[in-house]
Amino acid sequence: MNLRVNLSRYVYLMLCAAFFFNPVFEAPKNIFFGIALILFVFSLLNERISLSLFDWFILFFAPALLLASMWSTFPVKASAFVDVFRYMMVFFIISKIRLNNSQKLNLIVVAGFGTVVAIFYGAYIHFHLGIGDYWELPSVGHVNHSAIYAVIMASMLSSVLIINWRQMNGVSKVQLLSLYSIISLYIVVGESRAAFGIYCVVIVFQSVYVSLFSKRAALWICGLLLLSICIAVLGGVRVVQKQELLASESNILSNRSGIWSIALANLDDNLIFGVGKNNFDKIDMSAIGGVDRNGIPRTGISHAHNIYINTVAETGVVGFVMYSIYFSYIFYLLVINFNKVFLKKELSDREYWLGAFSALLITLGIGFVNTTFHHEHALISVLAFSLFINKAREN
């Protein structure tokens, strides 16, 4: 067995550890991701790998953004690109590493276990210790971002359950159903309206696939979804209360429209390169009004609550085009592999296709009202994307 195969095992173990800690603790995940990268580089020393044009695009993604930031409106710290470098390198490693099907599935399951641990740990912090205004995943933070992470994770687990249900033993079914149910409960009782909405859309989309093989199972899934919605509405969960409150104030977008208008107007200053990565708070938002927690008038906001506007405002047309190429190519691969995946009798490819498509739908769908694809939920998204590409390259 060659060096690359031996080291690939350890890269896989480091990735498992990193994705387990991803929503729980900041330091451990960075350590394990770093070790995985180092081991992956060593695994390539005695074997050449072929690199496509897209591979080169991924490798130079963060450096290119860093170079373009030299012409941004405000100075940009190099640390602003650590997040981009991290999720692009994780994407590259998983898409190129040698993993068998069990290892691919284990990465999803371990990430699911980590999410459940984060949910319970977050509950302990919020409800028992009384820290924070919301029930959040500790390392993910903001309640909306925590919900986005949970929806992506739930969609990956449901993809595995749907495709492998008949082949799974009882223990595996109970295990995955438990993970999925806990994460789904967190989404339903949460406060992110967009996350709850896209969660329903993903369930309907996956039910359409199930209906091709079992209309009864699809009806059961849709029935459970309707039951969940009824419980949420009648039970007055926070996402429903928030919607009712904002509707009564004629503020459905929660002041987002004002933020978007100012951000787009600011593009006149530097359309090509933007204000700089992580510099959205440099845009003067005083016209919106409001105060921060300390009662001081708010003049800046950390992000646009819209992935499209946030990207073009911070990185200009250059960054917007780069991210557009990335997501467009993922979508292109999903389209061209559709027939290969769904017209063959082998089922092992389908869970990764469903997971990747769901993650893309969630990222770009919620992206209209939240700043998706950064930090932890970018990492969980690239896990879905790269597992699909890894499997597609096997074929």
Protein backbone atom coordinates (compact mmCIF):
# COMPACT_ATOMS: atom_id res chain seq x y z
CA MET A 1 0.00 0.00 0.00
CA ASN A 2 1.55 3.33 -1.02
CA LEU A 3 2.15 6.39 1.10
CA ARG A 4 -0.83 8.27 -0.29
CA VAL A 5 -3.31 5.53 0.64
CA ASN A 6 -1.83 5.24 4.16
CA LEU A 7 -1.91 8.98 4.79
CA SER A 8 -5.39 9.26 3.28
CA ARG A 9 -6.69 7.26 6.23
CA TYR A 10 -5.28 9.81 8.65
CA VAL A 11 -6.54 12.72 6.55
CA TYR A 12 -9.99 11.12 6.72
CA LEU A 13 -9.76 10.76 10.52
CA MET A 14 -8.67 14.39 10.91
CA LEU A 15 -11.58 15.52 8.72
CA CYS A 16 -14.01 13.47 10.83
CA ALA A 17 -12.70 15.13 13.99
CA ALA A 18 -12.80 18.59 12.39
CA PHE A 19 -16.40 18.25 11.19
CA PHE A 20 -17.48 16.89 14.57
CA PHE A 21 -16.09 19.98 16.31
CA ASN A 22 -17.09 22.37 13.50
CA PRO A 23 -20.31 23.64 15.18
CA VAL A 24 -19.08 23.05 18.75
CA PHE A 25 -15.63 24.58 19.38
CA GLU A 26 -13.49 26.91 17.27
CA ALA A 27 -9.93 25.88 18.18
CA PRO A 28 -10.18 22.06 17.79
CA LYS A 29 -11.72 22.23 14.33
CA ASN A 30 -9.01 24.60 13.09
CA ILE A 31 -6.31 22.31 14.49
CA PHE A 32 -7.77 19.20 12.86
CA PHE A 33 -8.40 20.95 9.54
CA GLY A 34 -4.79 22.19 9.62
CA ILE A 35 -3.42 18.70 10.32
CA ALA A 36 -5.59 17.28 7.52
CA LEU A 37 -4.12 19.80 5.07
CA ILE A 38 -0.54 19.01 6.09
CA LEU A 39 -1.09 15.26 5.82
CA PHE A 40 -2.79 15.69 2.46
CA VAL A 41 0.20 17.61 1.10
CA PHE A 42 2.57 14.88 2.33
CA SER A 43 0.36 12.23 0.74
CA LEU A 44 1.02 13.82 -2.65
CA LEU A 45 4.81 13.69 -2.40
CA ASN A 46 5.18 10.29 -4.05
CA GLU A 47 2.29 10.53 -6.49
CA ARG A 48 1.21 13.10 -9.02
CA ILE A 49 -2.44 14.04 -9.29
CA SER A 50 -4.11 15.52 -12.33
CA LEU A 51 -5.53 19.00 -11.85
CA SER A 52 -8.41 20.30 -13.91
CA LEU A 53 -8.91 23.98 -14.70
CA PHE A 54 -11.51 24.08 -11.91
CA ASP A 55 -8.98 22.60 -9.45
CA TRP A 56 -6.55 25.41 -10.25
CA PHE A 57 -9.40 27.89 -9.84
CA ILE A 58 -10.06 26.54 -6.32
CA LEU A 59 -6.36 26.61 -5.36
CA PHE A 60 -5.96 30.23 -6.39
CA PHE A 61 -9.38 31.43 -5.22
CA ALA A 62 -8.30 32.92 -1.87
CA PRO A 63 -4.96 34.31 -3.17
CA ALA A 64 -6.76 35.98 -6.08
CA LEU A 65 -9.28 37.63 -3.75
CA LEU A 66 -6.42 38.74 -1.51
CA LEU A 67 -4.60 40.27 -4.48
CA ALA A 68 -7.75 42.07 -5.68
CA SER A 69 -8.25 43.52 -2.20
CA MET A 70 -5.22 45.75 -2.76
CA TRP A 71 -7.54 48.03 -4.76
CA SER A 72 -10.54 47.91 -2.40
CA THR A 73 -11.90 51.09 -0.83
CA PHE A 74 -10.66 50.28 2.66
CA PRO A 75 -7.56 48.34 3.78
CA VAL A 76 -8.19 44.63 4.23
CA LYS A 77 -6.45 42.43 6.77
CA ALA A 78 -4.94 39.22 5.41
CA SER A 79 -6.79 37.37 8.19
CA ALA A 80 -10.05 38.20 6.38
CA PHE A 81 -9.14 35.56 3.80
CA VAL A 82 -8.34 32.79 6.29
CA ASP A 83 -11.98 31.71 6.22
CA VAL A 84 -12.02 31.61 2.39
CA PHE A 85 -8.72 29.71 2.29
CA ARG A 86 -10.01 27.21 4.87
CA TYR A 87 -13.25 26.24 3.16
CA MET A 88 -11.70 26.17 -0.31
CA MET A 89 -8.87 23.92 0.88
CA VAL A 90 -11.35 21.60 2.62
CA PHE A 91 -13.33 21.48 -0.63
CA PHE A 92 -10.16 20.67 -2.60
CA ILE A 93 -8.95 17.97 -0.18
CA ILE A 94 -12.25 16.06 0.00
CA SER A 95 -12.84 16.29 -3.74
CA LYS A 96 -9.38 14.81 -4.46
CA ILE A 97 -8.73 12.39 -1.59
CA ARG A 98 -9.31 8.65 -1.93
CA LEU A 99 -12.33 7.71 0.16
CA ASN A 100 -14.43 4.57 0.03
CA ASN A 101 -18.22 4.84 0.27
CA SER A 102 -18.29 3.97 3.98
CA GLN A 103 -15.82 6.75 4.75
CA LYS A 104 -17.89 9.26 2.77
CA LEU A 105 -21.03 8.30 4.68
CA ASN A 106 -19.17 8.39 7.99
CA LEU A 107 -18.12 11.99 7.35
CA ILE A 108 -21.80 12.94 7.05
CA VAL A 109 -22.84 10.93 10.12
CA VAL A 110 -19.99 12.28 12.28
CA ALA A 111 -20.87 15.83 11.21
CA GLY A 112 -24.46 15.05 12.24
CA PHE A 113 -23.36 13.84 15.68
CA GLY A 114 -21.32 17.02 16.10
CA THR A 115 -24.37 19.10 15.24
CA VAL A 116 -26.49 17.32 17.85
CA VAL A 117 -23.76 17.81 20.48
CA ALA A 118 -23.67 21.51 19.54
CA ILE A 119 -27.46 21.74 19.88
CA PHE A 120 -27.42 20.30 23.40
CA TYR A 121 -24.36 22.29 24.42
CA GLY A 122 -25.98 25.45 23.04
CA ALA A 123 -29.15 24.65 25.02
CA TYR A 124 -27.06 24.31 28.19
CA ILE A 125 -25.37 27.66 27.56
CA HIS A 126 -28.60 29.51 26.77
CA PHE A 127 -31.21 27.93 29.03
CA HIS A 128 -29.14 26.78 32.01
CA LEU A 129 -26.38 29.38 32.16
CA GLY A 130 -28.60 32.14 30.81
CA ILE A 131 -25.97 33.34 28.33
CA GLY A 132 -27.05 34.90 25.04
CA ASP A 133 -30.41 36.00 23.71
CA TYR A 134 -30.95 32.93 21.54
CA TRP A 135 -30.37 29.19 21.39
CA GLU A 136 -27.38 28.97 19.06
CA LEU A 137 -24.76 26.44 17.99
CA PRO A 138 -21.72 27.58 20.06
CA SER A 139 -19.09 27.79 17.33
CA VAL A 140 -21.51 28.91 14.61
CA GLY A 141 -22.95 31.82 16.56
CA HIS A 142 -25.77 34.03 15.27
CA VAL A 143 -29.17 32.35 15.48
CA ASN A 144 -29.79 32.66 11.72
CA HIS A 145 -26.40 31.18 10.87
CA SER A 146 -26.96 28.34 13.34
CA ALA A 147 -30.27 27.58 11.64
CA ILE A 148 -28.64 27.62 8.19
CA TYR A 149 -26.04 25.13 9.40
CA ALA A 150 -28.75 22.89 10.86
CA VAL A 151 -30.82 22.90 7.65
CA ILE A 152 -27.82 21.93 5.49
CA MET A 153 -26.92 19.15 7.93
CA ALA A 154 -30.51 17.89 8.06
CA SER A 155 -30.72 17.81 4.25
CA MET A 156 -27.56 15.70 4.03
CA LEU A 157 -28.83 13.24 6.64
CA SER A 158 -32.23 12.96 4.96
CA SER A 159 -30.49 12.26 1.64
CA VAL A 160 -28.63 9.35 3.24
CA LEU A 161 -31.81 8.05 4.87
CA ILE A 162 -33.88 8.25 1.69
CA ILE A 163 -31.38 6.47 -0.52
CA ASN A 164 -30.19 3.80 1.93
CA TRP A 165 -33.37 3.07 3.88
CA ARG A 166 -33.95 -0.42 2.49
CA GLN A 167 -30.30 -1.45 2.89
CA MET A 168 -29.83 -0.08 6.42
CA ASN A 169 -30.09 -2.22 9.54
CA GLY A 170 -32.31 -1.29 12.46
CA VAL A 171 -29.54 0.30 14.53
CA SER A 172 -28.43 2.57 11.69
CA LYS A 173 -32.03 3.62 11.01
CA VAL A 174 -32.60 4.55 14.65
CA GLN A 175 -29.27 6.35 14.81
CA LEU A 176 -29.80 8.49 11.71
CA LEU A 177 -33.49 9.12 12.43
CA SER A 178 -32.56 10.32 15.92
CA LEU A 179 -29.94 12.72 14.56
CA TYR A 180 -32.31 13.99 11.89
CA SER A 181 -35.22 14.42 14.32
CA ILE A 182 -33.19 16.38 16.87
CA ILE A 183 -31.76 18.70 14.22
CA SER A 184 -35.20 19.14 12.64
CA LEU A 185 -36.72 20.00 16.02
CA TYR A 186 -34.03 22.66 16.50
CA ILE A 187 -34.97 24.18 13.11
CA VAL A 188 -38.72 24.17 13.85
CA VAL A 189 -38.45 25.80 17.30
CA GLY A 190 -35.77 28.25 16.13
CA GLU A 191 -36.13 31.85 15.04
CA SER A 192 -34.96 31.84 11.43
CA ARG A 193 -37.93 32.21 9.10
CA ALA A 194 -35.83 31.68 5.98
CA ALA A 195 -34.26 28.51 7.38
CA PHE A 196 -37.64 27.08 8.31
CA GLY A 197 -39.04 27.96 4.88
CA ILE A 198 -36.19 26.46 2.87
CA TYR A 199 -36.25 23.40 5.16
CA CYS A 200 -39.85 22.82 4.02
CA VAL A 201 -38.85 23.33 0.37
CA VAL A 202 -36.04 20.76 0.66
CA ILE A 203 -38.39 18.21 2.22
CA VAL A 204 -40.87 18.69 -0.64
CA PHE A 205 -38.06 18.42 -3.21
CA GLN A 206 -36.77 15.19 -1.67
CA SER A 207 -40.33 13.87 -1.40
CA VAL A 208 -40.68 14.25 -5.17
CA TYR A 209 -37.69 11.95 -5.56
CA VAL A 210 -39.15 9.44 -3.08
CA SER A 211 -42.45 9.45 -4.99
CA LEU A 212 -40.69 7.94 -8.01
CA PHE A 213 -40.27 4.73 -6.01
CA SER A 214 -42.91 4.87 -3.29
CA LYS A 215 -45.84 7.26 -3.39
CA ARG A 216 -46.94 6.05 0.03
CA ALA A 217 -43.58 6.99 1.59
CA ALA A 218 -43.69 10.40 -0.13
CA LEU A 219 -47.18 11.01 1.26
CA TRP A 220 -45.98 10.07 4.74
CA ILE A 221 -43.11 12.54 4.48
CA CYS A 222 -45.39 15.34 3.25
CA GLY A 223 -47.89 14.46 5.98
CA LEU A 224 -45.24 14.74 8.67
CA LEU A 225 -44.16 18.07 7.18
CA LEU A 226 -47.72 19.41 7.33
CA LEU A 227 -48.02 18.14 10.91
CA SER A 228 -44.80 19.96 11.84
CA ILE A 229 -46.06 23.19 10.26
CA CYS A 230 -49.37 22.90 12.12
CA ILE A 231 -47.60 22.28 15.43
CA ALA A 232 -45.31 25.25 14.78
CA VAL A 233 -48.23 27.58 13.98
CA LEU A 234 -50.61 26.40 16.71
CA GLY A 235 -47.79 26.07 19.25
CA GLY A 236 -46.63 29.62 18.62
CA VAL A 237 -42.95 28.78 18.22
CA ARG A 238 -40.55 31.73 18.01
CA VAL A 239 -40.29 31.69 14.22
CA VAL A 240 -44.08 32.13 14.01
CA GLN A 241 -44.11 34.82 16.70
CA LYS A 242 -41.37 36.71 14.88
CA GLN A 243 -43.27 36.55 11.59
CA GLU A 244 -46.48 37.80 13.23
CA LEU A 245 -44.65 40.65 14.99
CA LEU A 246 -42.84 41.85 11.87
CA ALA A 247 -46.01 41.53 9.80
CA SER A 248 -47.90 43.70 12.29
CA GLU A 249 -45.15 46.31 11.97
CA SER A 250 -45.17 46.08 8.14
CA ASN A 251 -41.50 45.14 8.38
CA ILE A 252 -41.41 41.64 6.90
CA LEU A 253 -37.76 41.99 5.81
CA SER A 254 -36.70 43.23 9.26
CA ASN A 255 -35.08 46.44 7.92
CA ARG A 256 -33.07 44.53 5.32
CA SER A 257 -34.37 46.53 2.36
CA GLY A 258 -32.80 49.71 3.73
CA ILE A 259 -29.46 47.96 4.21
CA TRP A 260 -29.55 46.63 0.65
CA SER A 261 -30.40 50.01 -0.86
CA ILE A 262 -27.53 51.76 0.91
CA ALA A 263 -25.07 48.96 0.06
CA LEU A 264 -26.00 49.06 -3.63
CA ALA A 265 -25.78 52.85 -3.72
CA ASN A 266 -22.30 52.59 -2.21
CA LEU A 267 -21.14 50.54 -5.24
CA ASP A 268 -20.66 53.80 -7.13
CA ASP A 269 -17.50 54.39 -5.08
CA ASN A 270 -15.73 51.16 -6.09
CA LEU A 271 -17.79 48.84 -8.27
CA ILE A 272 -14.85 46.71 -9.40
CA PHE A 273 -13.20 45.83 -6.06
CA GLY A 274 -15.74 46.85 -3.39
CA VAL A 275 -15.10 48.08 0.14
CA GLY A 276 -12.95 45.06 0.98
CA LYS A 277 -13.50 41.61 2.45
CA ASN A 278 -15.09 41.82 5.93
CA ASN A 279 -15.39 45.61 5.58
CA PHE A 280 -19.17 45.79 5.14
CA ASP A 281 -19.38 47.55 8.50
CA LYS A 282 -17.41 50.44 6.98
CA ILE A 283 -20.46 51.38 4.88
CA ASP A 284 -22.34 54.21 6.60
CA MET A 285 -25.73 52.85 7.67
CA SER A 286 -26.71 55.77 9.93
CA ALA A 287 -29.66 56.58 7.63
CA ILE A 288 -31.39 53.39 8.80
CA GLY A 289 -31.36 54.58 12.40
CA GLY A 290 -31.52 52.38 15.47
CA VAL A 291 -29.08 51.82 18.31
CA ASP A 292 -26.82 48.98 19.40
CA ARG A 293 -27.04 47.10 22.71
CA ASN A 294 -25.24 49.93 24.48
CA GLY A 295 -27.71 52.53 23.26
CA ILE A 296 -25.21 54.08 20.86
CA PRO A 297 -26.58 55.11 17.43
CA ARG A 298 -25.73 52.42 14.90
CA THR A 299 -23.60 53.59 11.97
CA GLY A 300 -22.42 50.26 10.61
CA ILE A 301 -23.74 46.72 10.16
CA SER A 302 -21.54 43.62 10.00
CA HIS A 303 -23.08 42.14 6.84
CA ALA A 304 -25.85 42.71 4.31
CA HIS A 305 -28.11 39.76 5.21
CA ASN A 306 -27.92 38.86 1.52
CA ILE A 307 -25.10 36.80 0.02
CA TYR A 308 -25.36 38.47 -3.39
CA ILE A 309 -25.32 42.07 -2.18
CA ASN A 310 -22.77 41.32 0.55
CA THR A 311 -20.40 39.71 -1.97
CA VAL A 312 -20.56 42.50 -4.53
CA ALA A 313 -20.37 45.21 -1.83
CA GLU A 314 -17.28 43.70 -0.18
CA THR A 315 -15.38 42.23 -3.13
CA GLY A 316 -16.89 44.12 -6.05
CA VAL A 317 -17.55 42.71 -9.49
CA VAL A 318 -14.30 40.73 -9.29
CA GLY A 319 -15.35 38.75 -6.23
CA PHE A 320 -18.95 38.42 -7.38
CA VAL A 321 -17.83 36.88 -10.68
CA MET A 322 -15.47 34.47 -8.88
CA TYR A 323 -18.18 33.20 -6.54
CA SER A 324 -20.64 33.03 -9.45
CA ILE A 325 -18.21 30.81 -11.36
CA TYR A 326 -17.84 28.54 -8.33
CA PHE A 327 -21.56 28.03 -7.73
CA SER A 328 -22.37 27.86 -11.43
CA TYR A 329 -19.84 25.08 -11.93
CA ILE A 330 -21.26 23.10 -9.00
CA PHE A 331 -24.72 23.46 -10.56
CA TYR A 332 -23.33 22.50 -13.98
CA LEU A 333 -21.81 19.31 -12.53
CA LEU A 334 -25.11 18.44 -10.86
CA VAL A 335 -26.96 18.87 -14.15
CA ILE A 336 -24.57 16.88 -16.34
CA ASN A 337 -24.38 14.07 -13.78
CA PHE A 338 -28.14 13.83 -13.27
CA ASN A 339 -28.70 11.14 -15.90
CA LYS A 340 -25.58 9.22 -14.89
CA VAL A 341 -26.72 9.16 -11.27
CA PHE A 342 -30.45 8.52 -11.58
CA LEU A 343 -30.64 6.28 -14.65
CA LYS A 344 -28.26 3.64 -13.31
CA LYS A 345 -29.26 0.92 -10.90
CA GLU A 346 -26.42 1.68 -8.47
CA LEU A 347 -27.78 3.84 -5.64
CA SER A 348 -24.53 4.93 -3.98
CA ASP A 349 -24.18 8.09 -6.10
CA ARG A 350 -27.65 9.42 -5.43
CA GLU A 351 -27.27 10.43 -1.79
CA TYR A 352 -24.32 12.68 -2.66
CA TRP A 353 -26.18 14.25 -5.58
CA LEU A 354 -29.25 14.90 -3.42
CA GLY A 355 -27.12 16.24 -0.57
CA ALA A 356 -25.12 18.57 -2.84
CA PHE A 357 -28.20 19.86 -4.67
CA SER A 358 -30.00 20.46 -1.37
CA ALA A 359 -26.98 22.29 0.08
CA LEU A 360 -26.76 24.47 -3.05
CA LEU A 361 -30.49 25.20 -2.91
CA ILE A 362 -30.23 26.15 0.77
CA THR A 363 -27.12 28.31 0.34
CA LEU A 364 -28.41 30.28 -2.63
CA GLY A 365 -32.06 30.28 -1.51
CA ILE A 366 -31.53 31.56 2.03
CA GLY A 367 -28.85 33.78 0.52
CA PHE A 368 -31.56 36.19 -0.63
CA VAL A 369 -32.23 37.18 3.00
CA ASN A 370 -29.11 36.05 4.86
CA THR A 371 -25.37 36.15 4.28
CA THR A 372 -24.69 32.46 3.68
CA PHE A 373 -21.52 30.60 2.69
CA HIS A 374 -19.03 31.78 5.25
CA HIS A 375 -17.39 30.27 8.32
CA GLU A 376 -19.03 27.08 9.63
CA HIS A 377 -21.96 26.82 7.24
CA ALA A 378 -19.60 27.29 4.29
CA LEU A 379 -17.61 24.33 5.61
CA ILE A 380 -20.69 22.12 5.91
CA SER A 381 -21.77 23.20 2.41
CA VAL A 382 -18.41 22.32 0.85
CA LEU A 383 -18.61 18.93 2.58
CA ALA A 384 -21.78 18.22 0.57
CA PHE A 385 -20.33 19.66 -2.66
CA SER A 386 -16.96 17.91 -2.43
CA LEU A 387 -18.39 14.49 -1.52
CA PHE A 388 -20.54 14.67 -4.64
CA ILE A 389 -17.55 15.66 -6.80
CA ASN A 390 -15.38 12.97 -5.20
CA LYS A 391 -17.97 10.33 -6.07
CA ALA A 392 -18.47 11.73 -9.58
CA ARG A 393 -14.72 11.55 -10.24
CA GLU A 394 -14.72 7.86 -9.31
CA ASN A 395 -17.02 7.28 -12.27
